[in-house]
Every structure is written in structure tokens, then in C-alpha cells.
Amino acid sequence: MPAQDDEEQGQVFVDESDIIHEVDVDEEDLPDADDEDDTENIKDTDDSIHIFTGHTGELYAVACSPTDPVLVATGGGDDKGFLWKIGHADWASELRGHTDSVSSLAFSSDGQLLASGGFDGLVKVWDTFGNYKRTLEGPGGGIEWIRWHPKGHLILAGSEDCTAWMWNADNGKCLNVFSGHGAIVTCGDFAPDGKTICSGSEDATLRIWNPRSGESIHVVRVIFFSVGHPYHTEGLTCLSISSDSTLAITGSKDGSVHIVNITTGKVVSSCSSQTGSTDGNPESIECVSFAPNFLWAVFGGMDQNLTIWDLQNSSPRFICNHEEGVTCLAWLGASKFLATGCCDGRIRIWNCLSGECIETFKGHEHAI
């Protein structure tokens, strides 16, 4: 009799003569019958090419050498800093001496020196083999950020004590203390031409300084009921300066972004995060930058968006959505490609000409 489909045969029974092979199964390995598929517990593929495991706490700072493509510095909550090389698992140098979290790291523009800043209020200088050079003292609070002068061995650092400090890294001499902010100096930098310093603070102001005299040239703050663009109403979180040293872009906890003419101290353009939090409050802006070769600015924040802003038209070119908040960003050289770090632990690469995400790198299990 020809075989028929199960539907036509009805019930089908199996007896002992049909058994081909028996396999022992541990009942503990079997899923519960009422368990649903739990896809969230399936780990993402790890796309990394190297993992450095020297730290025992969270990482707060990463810096890449401008002259050696494999040399990396990291610092974290374990009070340690390390120099290590991508692809060289047997090479690492511990940066010893900080007594609190290493919060910031930066290489000099010529790649010869590394500076580390800690919540212990100290800035330490190292060579690229991890050899200790000197300690720069002065600030009365933790170091928030470090920047090098674009053309020399001068270090600028912002502190929790409401000041910014500038030293000669070659001899350890303090060259200037920039006082005037009324709260933690959360961000700052030299202009690319080296002739100006910008700093931002929890006091919701941007200050523009003369690095030689220490004079505050402009103070940019909100002026209520004024005509023109407003300014931040809460603390600044980030800033960046244009390659021609004419503009500064600042982001804030209030979810707004403002672009300031450094020469005049006037706000020339303003924008804000696209969505608010569930409680109606604005979402903080966490990172800002100017494009190296295009008339764009970019910013990301806890509203889960990267915004690519057209400077000529003062309007968004693209709004690039993420799964969670955007914590950091970096241009890939002078190209049209931008990398973003996110609270979902992923790195995304964006084509800023098209607004498309062209690659997503997975591996981290927690926020970047």
C-alpha cells in the first residue's frame, strides 16, 4: 500500500522495533516546558580584534597615539593607567602613581608624551614607553579633562575646583591659572591655532581666554529677555572648536547646542535635542564636534540621536537614531565617516553624506 501523508493517516504510533538508537539526556539540560524564547540572553558576536584586560574597574578614559597607530592609553576607576599596543598582547606598561580614578588621558600632538589626569587632582607626564617624567600640581580638585597645545608641550586641564590650569610639560612650570567659573570646569580646549582657550562649566557659561595673560576675553551666558539666540540654562557637558579657530560648539545638560563666534563672543546658531525624557525634562547632550572637511557640526546625547547639522542653513541634515543614548563620537580621520559610542555597548559607523549607518561593532556588554 503506498505511503500516505500524516494528515490522511491520522495518528501514527511507534513501537520498540522502530527505535534505531538511544541517547541519554540529563534532565537538567532540558528547558522548562513553559519557558519562552529568551533572545535577550543570547550574546552578541564579538567584533573586536584585540581585548586589553589589565584593568580591574570601569574605564573612564581612552587615548590613541597620533603617530603610532597601535599605541593606546587607558585609565579607569581602579586608579590605574596603562599603555598598550593593539595586536601585541605581551606588551603593556602600567602608569603608576595616581591615588584616585584616572579620569582623562591625552597624547601630545607630536606623539612624544602622554598626560594622565586623576580625581586625585594630579596631572602626570609620561613618555610613550610608560616611563614617568613628572607630576604637575596645583588644582584643588579632581581633573575633569586634559588637552595639549596643538603646536607644543603645553598642557591645559580643567578641575573640579572651578579653575583651569596650564603648564609647560617639559619643565613642570605652571604658566597660568584661569579663574572665573563658578562651578566645575567640565570641558575645554585650545583653539587649533593655539591663540585662544575655551572652557565650559557647570555654571552654564562658556569662557574665552587669552592663554598668555590669563584674561577672560568673553563670557557667554544666558541673558533672559534678550534679542537673538539664547544660551544654555544648565551646565555645559562638552565643547569643540572649528579647525579655523573661529567657532566653538557647546552642549549642555539642558539638551541644547549653541555655536559661538570666538572673536565676538556672540551666539550665532542654536539647536536642541529632538526628544525629551519620559518626565518631560530635556535629555543631556553628551558630545559635539565640527566636521574636519565639511560645513557640518554633529552632536549626540541621551535622546538616542546623532544629529548632523548644516552650518550654512542652520538646520539638521540628518537625525540618526540609536537604540540608547549616544555618549561619544569621533571622526575617522578627515573623512565623511563618523563613529558613535552608545549606552547599548555598540559602536556605529555613519556615512554623514547619506546619514546611513554602514557598520555596527559589537562586543562590549555595558555602556561605552
Protein backbone atom coordinates (compact mmCIF):
# COMPACT_ATOMS: atom_id res chain seq x y z
CA MET A 1 0.00 0.00 0.00
CA PRO A 2 1.57 3.34 -0.96
CA ALA A 3 2.61 5.74 1.80
CA GLN A 4 0.18 8.50 2.60
CA ASP A 5 0.57 11.91 4.25
CA ASP A 6 0.24 12.00 8.04
CA GLU A 7 -2.88 14.09 7.64
CA GLU A 8 -4.52 11.28 5.66
CA GLN A 9 -3.28 8.51 8.00
CA GLY A 10 -4.40 10.24 11.19
CA GLN A 11 -2.46 9.13 14.30
CA VAL A 12 0.87 7.35 13.85
CA PHE A 13 2.27 5.02 16.55
CA VAL A 14 5.90 3.95 17.14
CA ASP A 15 6.80 0.62 18.74
CA GLU A 16 10.15 -0.71 20.07
CA SER A 17 11.13 -2.20 16.71
CA ASP A 18 11.21 1.34 15.23
CA ILE A 19 13.91 2.58 17.69
CA ILE A 20 17.31 2.92 15.97
CA HIS A 21 19.49 4.35 18.80
CA GLU A 22 19.00 5.52 22.40
CA VAL A 23 20.66 8.68 23.78
CA ASP A 24 20.91 9.51 27.48
CA VAL A 25 19.79 13.08 28.29
CA ASP A 26 20.39 14.91 31.56
CA GLU A 27 17.07 16.40 32.66
CA GLU A 28 18.86 19.50 33.99
CA ASP A 29 19.89 20.34 30.43
CA LEU A 30 16.30 20.40 29.23
CA PRO A 31 14.44 23.74 29.12
CA ASP A 32 11.27 24.13 31.14
CA ALA A 33 8.23 23.45 29.06
CA ASP A 34 6.72 26.83 29.87
CA ASP A 35 9.89 28.82 29.08
CA GLU A 36 9.58 31.24 26.19
CA ASP A 37 12.41 32.01 23.78
CA ASP A 38 14.77 34.41 25.54
CA THR A 39 16.68 36.08 22.74
CA GLU A 40 17.97 38.82 25.08
CA ASN A 41 20.26 36.30 26.78
CA ILE A 42 21.99 35.40 23.51
CA LYS A 43 25.34 37.21 23.49
CA ASP A 44 26.25 39.38 20.54
CA THR A 45 29.13 38.43 18.33
CA ASP A 46 32.40 39.99 19.48
CA ASP A 47 33.77 42.02 16.56
CA SER A 48 36.91 43.22 18.35
CA ILE A 49 40.39 42.38 17.07
CA HIS A 50 42.10 42.87 20.44
CA ILE A 51 40.95 42.87 24.08
CA PHE A 52 43.04 44.50 26.81
CA THR A 53 42.25 43.06 30.23
CA GLY A 54 44.72 44.85 32.52
CA HIS A 55 42.11 46.91 34.35
CA THR A 56 40.04 45.71 37.30
CA GLY A 57 37.48 48.54 37.25
CA GLU A 58 35.47 50.64 34.84
CA LEU A 59 37.36 52.54 32.16
CA TYR A 60 36.94 56.33 32.16
CA ALA A 61 39.46 57.40 29.53
CA VAL A 62 40.97 56.16 26.26
CA ALA A 63 43.54 57.92 24.07
CA CYS A 64 45.18 56.82 20.83
CA SER A 65 48.62 58.00 19.77
CA PRO A 66 48.57 60.44 16.83
CA THR A 67 51.82 58.98 15.47
CA ASP A 68 51.73 55.25 16.37
CA PRO A 69 48.57 53.53 15.06
CA VAL A 70 48.76 50.66 17.57
CA LEU A 71 49.64 52.59 20.76
CA VAL A 72 46.73 53.11 23.17
CA ALA A 73 46.42 54.55 26.68
CA THR A 74 43.57 53.68 29.05
CA GLY A 75 42.63 54.80 32.54
CA GLY A 76 39.90 53.84 34.96
CA GLY A 77 38.27 53.53 38.33
CA ASP A 78 40.94 51.14 39.58
CA ASP A 79 43.29 54.17 39.94
CA LYS A 80 45.46 52.77 37.16
CA GLY A 81 46.58 53.82 33.74
CA PHE A 82 48.11 51.60 31.08
CA LEU A 83 49.94 51.98 27.81
CA TRP A 84 49.44 49.01 25.49
CA LYS A 85 49.59 48.09 21.83
CA ILE A 86 46.88 46.67 19.60
CA GLY A 87 47.91 43.24 18.38
CA HIS A 88 50.76 42.97 20.92
CA ALA A 89 49.28 41.03 23.83
CA ASP A 90 52.67 40.71 25.51
CA TRP A 91 53.36 44.48 25.65
CA ALA A 92 51.84 46.75 28.32
CA SER A 93 53.19 49.38 30.68
CA GLU A 94 51.36 50.36 33.85
CA LEU A 95 51.24 54.07 34.68
CA ARG A 96 51.64 54.04 38.46
CA GLY A 97 51.19 56.90 40.89
CA HIS A 98 47.60 58.14 40.88
CA THR A 99 45.74 57.62 44.15
CA ASP A 100 42.26 58.02 42.69
CA SER A 101 40.50 57.23 39.42
CA VAL A 102 42.36 58.10 36.20
CA SER A 103 39.75 60.31 34.58
CA SER A 104 41.50 61.71 31.50
CA LEU A 105 44.33 60.93 29.10
CA ALA A 106 45.84 62.74 26.12
CA PHE A 107 48.88 62.38 23.86
CA SER A 108 50.87 65.44 22.79
CA SER A 109 50.34 66.45 19.16
CA ASP A 110 53.82 65.16 18.22
CA GLY A 111 53.11 61.82 19.91
CA GLN A 112 56.15 62.06 22.19
CA LEU A 113 54.41 62.44 25.55
CA LEU A 114 51.28 61.27 27.35
CA ALA A 115 49.46 63.15 30.12
CA SER A 116 47.18 61.47 32.65
CA GLY A 117 44.77 63.28 34.94
CA GLY A 118 43.12 61.85 38.03
CA PHE A 119 40.45 62.61 40.57
CA ASP A 120 43.39 62.97 42.98
CA GLY A 121 43.93 66.43 41.42
CA LEU A 122 47.22 65.49 39.77
CA VAL A 123 48.41 65.54 36.16
CA LYS A 124 51.29 63.19 35.39
CA VAL A 125 53.51 63.20 32.31
CA TRP A 126 54.94 60.04 30.72
CA ASP A 127 56.95 59.09 27.67
CA THR A 128 55.48 56.62 25.19
CA PHE A 129 57.24 53.68 26.85
CA GLY A 130 55.40 54.41 30.09
CA ASN A 131 58.37 56.00 31.84
CA TYR A 132 57.36 58.60 34.42
CA LYS A 133 58.57 62.14 33.66
CA ARG A 134 56.98 64.49 36.21
CA THR A 135 53.87 65.48 38.18
CA LEU A 136 52.03 68.76 37.58
CA GLU A 137 50.41 70.03 40.75
CA GLY A 138 48.13 72.88 41.69
CA PRO A 139 44.42 72.14 41.25
CA GLY A 140 42.44 71.75 44.44
CA GLY A 141 40.00 69.22 42.97
CA GLY A 142 39.83 66.28 40.61
CA ILE A 143 40.93 66.65 36.98
CA GLU A 144 37.98 66.64 34.57
CA TRP A 145 39.84 66.79 31.22
CA ILE A 146 43.27 67.32 29.66
CA ARG A 147 44.30 68.90 26.35
CA TRP A 148 47.69 69.60 24.73
CA HIS A 149 48.61 72.74 22.85
CA PRO A 150 48.43 71.93 19.10
CA LYS A 151 52.00 73.11 18.47
CA GLY A 152 53.96 72.47 21.66
CA HIS A 153 54.35 70.75 25.01
CA LEU A 154 51.83 72.85 26.93
CA ILE A 155 49.10 71.09 28.90
CA LEU A 156 45.68 72.53 29.75
CA ALA A 157 43.48 70.85 32.36
CA GLY A 158 40.10 71.61 33.90
CA SER A 159 39.36 70.93 37.55
CA GLU A 160 36.53 70.40 39.99
CA ASP A 161 37.80 73.47 41.89
CA CYS A 162 36.30 75.84 39.23
CA THR A 163 39.67 76.59 37.60
CA ALA A 164 41.69 75.57 34.55
CA TRP A 165 45.48 75.25 34.67
CA MET A 166 48.22 75.47 32.04
CA TRP A 167 51.73 74.02 32.47
CA ASN A 168 54.91 73.56 30.48
CA ALA A 169 55.15 69.76 30.32
CA ASP A 170 58.90 69.81 29.69
CA ASN A 171 59.83 71.51 32.97
CA GLY A 172 56.63 71.27 35.05
CA LYS A 173 56.24 75.05 35.41
CA CYS A 174 52.73 76.43 35.86
CA LEU A 175 52.20 79.12 33.24
CA ASN A 176 48.69 80.31 34.08
CA VAL A 177 45.61 79.64 36.18
CA PHE A 178 42.28 80.55 34.57
CA SER A 179 39.86 81.61 37.31
CA GLY A 180 36.33 82.92 36.90
CA HIS A 181 33.98 79.98 36.56
CA GLY A 182 31.58 79.47 39.43
CA ALA A 183 31.48 75.66 39.28
CA ILE A 184 33.34 72.61 37.95
CA VAL A 185 35.14 73.24 34.67
CA THR A 186 33.68 70.34 32.70
CA CYS A 187 35.20 70.89 29.24
CA GLY A 188 37.78 72.97 27.44
CA ASP A 189 40.44 73.12 24.76
CA PHE A 190 43.00 75.20 22.90
CA ALA A 191 41.84 76.61 19.58
CA PRO A 192 43.68 74.88 16.70
CA ASP A 193 45.78 77.99 16.07
CA GLY A 194 46.86 77.90 19.73
CA LYS A 195 45.97 81.55 20.30
CA THR A 196 42.77 81.10 22.31
CA ILE A 197 41.38 78.85 25.02
CA CYS A 198 37.71 77.99 25.50
CA SER A 199 36.30 76.44 28.69
CA GLY A 200 32.83 75.39 29.75
CA SER A 201 31.43 74.86 33.22
CA GLU A 202 28.62 73.55 35.36
CA ASP A 203 27.82 77.25 35.89
CA ALA A 204 26.26 77.23 32.37
CA THR A 205 28.86 79.61 30.91
CA LEU A 206 31.46 79.44 28.17
CA ARG A 207 34.60 81.49 28.79
CA ILE A 208 37.07 82.52 26.09
CA TRP A 209 40.60 83.20 27.39
CA ASN A 210 43.89 84.72 26.33
CA PRO A 211 46.37 81.91 27.14
CA ARG A 212 49.31 84.29 27.65
CA SER A 213 47.69 86.78 30.02
CA GLY A 214 45.04 84.53 31.55
CA GLU A 215 42.46 87.24 30.79
CA SER A 216 38.84 86.22 30.20
CA ILE A 217 38.08 87.84 26.84
CA HIS A 218 34.40 86.86 26.66
CA VAL A 219 31.88 85.25 28.98
CA VAL A 220 28.98 83.66 27.12
CA ARG A 221 25.90 83.14 29.29
CA VAL A 222 22.15 83.19 29.02
CA ILE A 223 20.61 86.66 29.11
CA PHE A 224 16.89 86.43 29.69
CA PHE A 225 14.57 88.59 27.59
CA SER A 226 17.45 89.43 25.21
CA VAL A 227 17.10 89.68 21.43
CA GLY A 228 18.82 86.98 19.37
CA HIS A 229 19.96 83.48 20.19
CA PRO A 230 19.68 82.27 23.80
CA TYR A 231 22.35 80.23 25.62
CA HIS A 232 22.46 77.26 27.98
CA THR A 233 20.41 77.28 31.16
CA GLU A 234 22.20 74.29 32.72
CA GLY A 235 25.78 73.10 32.97
CA LEU A 236 27.92 72.58 29.89
CA THR A 237 28.97 68.99 29.21
CA CYS A 238 31.13 69.25 26.07
CA LEU A 239 32.66 71.63 23.56
CA SER A 240 34.63 71.59 20.33
CA ILE A 241 36.38 74.28 18.29
CA SER A 242 36.33 74.60 14.49
CA SER A 243 39.51 73.91 12.52
CA ASP A 244 39.81 77.58 11.53
CA SER A 245 39.61 78.63 15.22
CA THR A 246 36.60 80.90 14.63
CA LEU A 247 33.70 78.94 16.16
CA ALA A 248 33.02 76.94 19.32
CA ILE A 249 30.14 74.48 19.66
CA THR A 250 28.87 73.64 23.14
CA GLY A 251 26.42 71.07 24.52
CA SER A 252 24.62 71.07 27.83
CA LYS A 253 22.52 69.13 30.31
CA ASP A 254 19.58 71.27 29.15
CA GLY A 255 19.53 69.43 25.79
CA SER A 256 20.59 72.44 23.76
CA VAL A 257 23.53 73.05 21.43
CA HIS A 258 24.89 76.50 20.65
CA ILE A 259 27.54 77.75 18.24
CA VAL A 260 29.55 80.78 19.34
CA ASN A 261 31.78 83.15 17.37
CA ILE A 262 35.01 83.08 19.37
CA THR A 263 36.12 86.54 18.22
CA THR A 264 32.91 88.35 19.20
CA GLY A 265 31.60 86.04 21.90
CA LYS A 266 28.18 86.05 20.21
CA VAL A 267 25.93 83.02 19.75
CA VAL A 268 25.41 82.58 16.01
CA SER A 269 23.31 79.42 15.86
CA SER A 270 21.25 77.24 18.19
CA CYS A 271 19.55 73.87 18.15
CA SER A 272 18.31 71.31 20.66
CA SER A 273 17.81 67.59 21.20
CA GLN A 274 14.91 66.19 19.24
CA THR A 275 13.12 64.42 22.08
CA GLY A 276 12.68 64.87 25.82
CA SER A 277 12.78 62.30 28.58
CA THR A 278 9.69 60.48 29.81
CA ASP A 279 9.29 63.00 32.62
CA GLY A 280 9.29 65.90 30.15
CA ASN A 281 12.76 67.18 31.01
CA PRO A 282 15.36 67.67 28.25
CA GLU A 283 17.92 64.96 27.55
CA SER A 284 21.55 65.89 28.06
CA ILE A 285 23.88 66.48 25.11
CA GLU A 286 26.99 64.35 25.67
CA CYS A 287 29.27 65.02 22.67
CA VAL A 288 29.78 67.66 19.95
CA SER A 289 32.20 68.21 17.08
CA PHE A 290 32.79 70.07 13.86
CA ALA A 291 33.38 68.06 10.68
CA PRO A 292 37.01 68.33 9.54
CA ASN A 293 36.29 68.95 5.83
CA PHE A 294 32.60 69.82 5.61
CA LEU A 295 30.44 72.71 6.83
CA TRP A 296 28.73 70.49 9.38
CA ALA A 297 28.53 70.15 13.11
CA VAL A 298 27.50 66.93 14.82
CA PHE A 299 26.14 66.24 18.28
CA GLY A 300 24.78 63.29 20.22
CA GLY A 301 23.04 62.82 23.52
CA MET A 302 20.79 60.87 25.78
CA ASP A 303 17.85 61.45 23.43
CA GLN A 304 19.31 58.47 21.48
CA ASN A 305 20.12 60.58 18.43
CA LEU A 306 23.13 61.74 16.46
CA THR A 307 22.31 64.99 14.67
CA ILE A 308 24.29 66.11 11.62
CA TRP A 309 23.82 69.87 11.46
CA ASP A 310 24.25 72.00 8.34
CA LEU A 311 26.13 75.13 9.40
CA GLN A 312 25.23 77.12 6.29
CA ASN A 313 21.49 76.60 6.60
CA SER A 314 21.33 76.21 10.42
CA SER A 315 19.22 73.10 10.04
CA PRO A 316 19.66 69.34 10.50
CA ARG A 317 20.88 67.34 7.50
CA PHE A 318 20.15 64.01 9.18
CA ILE A 319 18.99 62.69 12.54
CA CYS A 320 20.50 59.25 13.10
CA ASN A 321 18.65 57.09 15.61
CA HIS A 322 20.30 54.78 18.14
CA GLU A 323 18.88 52.14 20.46
CA GLU A 324 20.06 54.07 23.55
CA GLY A 325 21.86 57.29 24.47
CA VAL A 326 24.90 58.47 22.48
CA THR A 327 27.88 59.00 24.81
CA CYS A 328 30.80 59.84 22.50
CA LEU A 329 31.78 60.37 18.87
CA ALA A 330 34.93 60.54 16.74
CA TRP A 331 35.66 61.35 13.11
CA LEU A 332 37.58 58.74 11.13
CA GLY A 333 40.42 61.00 10.06
CA ALA A 334 39.31 63.77 7.72
CA SER A 335 36.70 61.58 6.04
CA LYS A 336 32.91 61.70 5.84
CA PHE A 337 32.68 58.80 8.31
CA LEU A 338 31.88 59.22 11.98
CA ALA A 339 31.92 56.69 14.83
CA THR A 340 29.49 56.91 17.75
CA GLY A 341 29.61 55.12 21.09
CA CYS A 342 26.34 54.23 22.75
CA CYS A 343 24.83 53.14 26.05
CA ASP A 344 23.88 49.84 24.40
CA GLY A 345 27.59 48.93 24.21
CA ARG A 346 27.86 49.25 20.45
CA ILE A 347 30.00 51.34 18.11
CA ARG A 348 28.28 52.53 14.94
CA ILE A 349 29.92 53.97 11.83
CA TRP A 350 27.90 56.58 9.94
CA ASN A 351 28.25 57.96 6.44
CA CYS A 352 27.48 61.61 7.11
CA LEU A 353 26.86 62.36 3.44
CA SER A 354 23.93 59.94 3.37
CA GLY A 355 23.04 59.68 7.07
CA GLU A 356 23.27 55.88 6.87
CA CYS A 357 24.75 53.54 9.45
CA ILE A 358 27.20 51.43 7.44
CA GLU A 359 28.62 49.26 10.21
CA THR A 360 27.85 48.23 13.79
CA PHE A 361 30.56 46.79 16.02
CA LYS A 362 29.55 44.62 18.97
CA GLY A 363 31.49 43.25 21.89
CA HIS A 364 31.02 45.46 24.95
CA GLU A 365 28.43 44.28 27.44
CA HIS A 366 27.82 47.67 29.05
CA ALA A 367 27.64 51.35 28.09
CA ILE A 368 30.53 52.90 26.20
